[in-house]
Amino acid sequence: MLIGTQMPMFLWAEAINYATWLKNQLPSHAIPGYTPHALVYKTKPNLSLTHEFGCKVYIHTSELGKLQPQAMEANF
């Protein structure tokens, strides 16, 4: 994930955390028809806000004032 997105290597722990979270949201061969998330929380996972690791995002920063930028660019 880090190499594919050209992210710095110091983010390796974040990449592993995200990969683990994503794997727990997807169906498993060990438990056909269910996801690990569904077994633990008794609900289907909501993947509507899932983003590709390293993609460009904008963070809303309206508390800075009307004449300041309303968002700042970052990587997910």
C-alpha atoms as a PDB file:
ATOM      1  CA  MET A   1       0.000   0.000   0.000  1.00  0.00           C
ATOM      2  CA  LEU A   2       2.795   2.425   0.819  1.00  0.00           C
ATOM      3  CA  ILE A   3       4.744   1.725  -2.353  1.00  0.00           C
ATOM      4  CA  GLY A   4       1.646   1.864  -4.571  1.00  0.00           C
ATOM      5  CA  THR A   5       0.638   5.274  -3.223  1.00  0.00           C
ATOM      6  CA  GLN A   6       4.213   6.620  -2.881  1.00  0.00           C
ATOM      7  CA  MET A   7       3.606   7.437   0.784  1.00  0.00           C
ATOM      8  CA  PRO A   8       6.550   7.734   3.213  1.00  0.00           C
ATOM      9  CA  MET A   9       7.619   4.570   5.031  1.00  0.00           C
ATOM     10  CA  PHE A  10       7.053   6.058   8.503  1.00  0.00           C
ATOM     11  CA  LEU A  11       3.313   5.562   7.847  1.00  0.00           C
ATOM     12  CA  TRP A  12       3.695   1.758   7.830  1.00  0.00           C
ATOM     13  CA  ALA A  13       1.702   1.351  11.074  1.00  0.00           C
ATOM     14  CA  GLU A  14      -1.207   3.378   9.655  1.00  0.00           C
ATOM     15  CA  ALA A  15      -1.160   1.259   6.491  1.00  0.00           C
ATOM     16  CA  ILE A  16      -1.308  -1.961   8.530  1.00  0.00           C
ATOM     17  CA  ASN A  17      -4.131  -0.613  10.718  1.00  0.00           C
ATOM     18  CA  TYR A  18      -6.162   0.371   7.655  1.00  0.00           C
ATOM     19  CA  ALA A  19      -5.521  -2.952   5.896  1.00  0.00           C
ATOM     20  CA  THR A  20      -6.638  -4.834   9.022  1.00  0.00           C
ATOM     21  CA  TRP A  21      -9.766  -2.691   9.382  1.00  0.00           C
ATOM     22  CA  LEU A  22     -10.615  -3.219   5.706  1.00  0.00           C
ATOM     23  CA  LYS A  23     -10.068  -6.980   5.920  1.00  0.00           C
ATOM     24  CA  ASN A  24     -12.471  -7.172   8.873  1.00  0.00           C
ATOM     25  CA  GLN A  25     -15.167  -5.431   6.798  1.00  0.00           C
ATOM     26  CA  LEU A  26     -15.012  -7.967   3.948  1.00  0.00           C
ATOM     27  CA  PRO A  27     -16.466 -11.514   3.782  1.00  0.00           C
ATOM     28  CA  SER A  28     -14.263 -14.306   5.090  1.00  0.00           C
ATOM     29  CA  HIS A  29     -13.867 -17.889   3.828  1.00  0.00           C
ATOM     30  CA  ALA A  30     -13.682 -19.088   7.435  1.00  0.00           C
ATOM     31  CA  ILE A  31     -17.213 -17.808   8.133  1.00  0.00           C
ATOM     32  CA  PRO A  32     -19.162 -18.065   4.838  1.00  0.00           C
ATOM     33  CA  GLY A  33     -21.803 -15.409   4.360  1.00  0.00           C
ATOM     34  CA  TYR A  34     -20.577 -13.192   7.199  1.00  0.00           C
ATOM     35  CA  THR A  35     -17.884 -10.639   7.861  1.00  0.00           C
ATOM     36  CA  PRO A  36     -15.846 -10.488  11.076  1.00  0.00           C
ATOM     37  CA  HIS A  37     -17.419  -7.064  11.690  1.00  0.00           C
ATOM     38  CA  ALA A  38     -20.943  -8.506  11.414  1.00  0.00           C
ATOM     39  CA  LEU A  39     -20.175 -11.279  13.896  1.00  0.00           C
ATOM     40  CA  VAL A  40     -18.787  -8.896  16.515  1.00  0.00           C
ATOM     41  CA  TYR A  41     -21.164  -5.934  16.160  1.00  0.00           C
ATOM     42  CA  LYS A  42     -24.285  -7.743  14.825  1.00  0.00           C
ATOM     43  CA  THR A  43     -24.622  -5.183  11.993  1.00  0.00           C
ATOM     44  CA  LYS A  44     -23.483  -5.042   8.393  1.00  0.00           C
ATOM     45  CA  PRO A  45     -20.403  -2.843   7.889  1.00  0.00           C
ATOM     46  CA  ASN A  46     -20.914   0.564   6.273  1.00  0.00           C
ATOM     47  CA  LEU A  47     -18.330   0.932   3.514  1.00  0.00           C
ATOM     48  CA  SER A  48     -19.771   4.108   1.983  1.00  0.00           C
ATOM     49  CA  LEU A  49     -17.001   6.288   3.473  1.00  0.00           C
ATOM     50  CA  THR A  50     -14.145   3.940   2.575  1.00  0.00           C
ATOM     51  CA  HIS A  51     -11.310   5.594   0.637  1.00  0.00           C
ATOM     52  CA  GLU A  52      -8.210   4.303  -1.098  1.00  0.00           C
ATOM     53  CA  PHE A  53      -5.190   4.522   1.211  1.00  0.00           C
ATOM     54  CA  GLY A  54      -3.115   7.568   0.293  1.00  0.00           C
ATOM     55  CA  CYS A  55      -5.781   9.363  -1.761  1.00  0.00           C
ATOM     56  CA  LYS A  56      -6.064  13.152  -1.658  1.00  0.00           C
ATOM     57  CA  VAL A  57      -8.721  14.487   0.744  1.00  0.00           C
ATOM     58  CA  TYR A  58      -9.787  17.923   1.955  1.00  0.00           C
ATOM     59  CA  ILE A  59     -10.328  18.643   5.652  1.00  0.00           C
ATOM     60  CA  HIS A  60     -12.981  21.255   6.470  1.00  0.00           C
ATOM     61  CA  THR A  61     -11.507  24.069   8.619  1.00  0.00           C
ATOM     62  CA  SER A  62     -14.246  26.695   8.919  1.00  0.00           C
ATOM     63  CA  GLU A  63     -13.269  27.776  12.456  1.00  0.00           C
ATOM     64  CA  LEU A  64     -10.298  29.759  11.106  1.00  0.00           C
ATOM     65  CA  GLY A  65     -12.452  32.680   9.950  1.00  0.00           C
ATOM     66  CA  LYS A  66     -14.185  33.890   6.812  1.00  0.00           C
ATOM     67  CA  LEU A  67     -11.040  35.186   5.114  1.00  0.00           C
ATOM     68  CA  GLN A  68      -8.983  32.062   5.775  1.00  0.00           C
ATOM     69  CA  PRO A  69      -9.000  28.916   3.619  1.00  0.00           C
ATOM     70  CA  GLN A  70     -12.062  26.760   4.346  1.00  0.00           C
ATOM     71  CA  ALA A  71     -10.255  23.450   3.769  1.00  0.00           C
ATOM     72  CA  MET A  72      -6.769  22.031   3.837  1.00  0.00           C
ATOM     73  CA  GLU A  73      -5.405  19.313   1.587  1.00  0.00           C
ATOM     74  CA  ALA A  74      -4.179  16.042   3.118  1.00  0.00           C
ATOM     75  CA  ASN A  75      -3.733  12.352   2.316  1.00  0.00           C
ATOM     76  CA  PHE A  76      -6.058   9.666   3.656  1.00  0.00           C
END
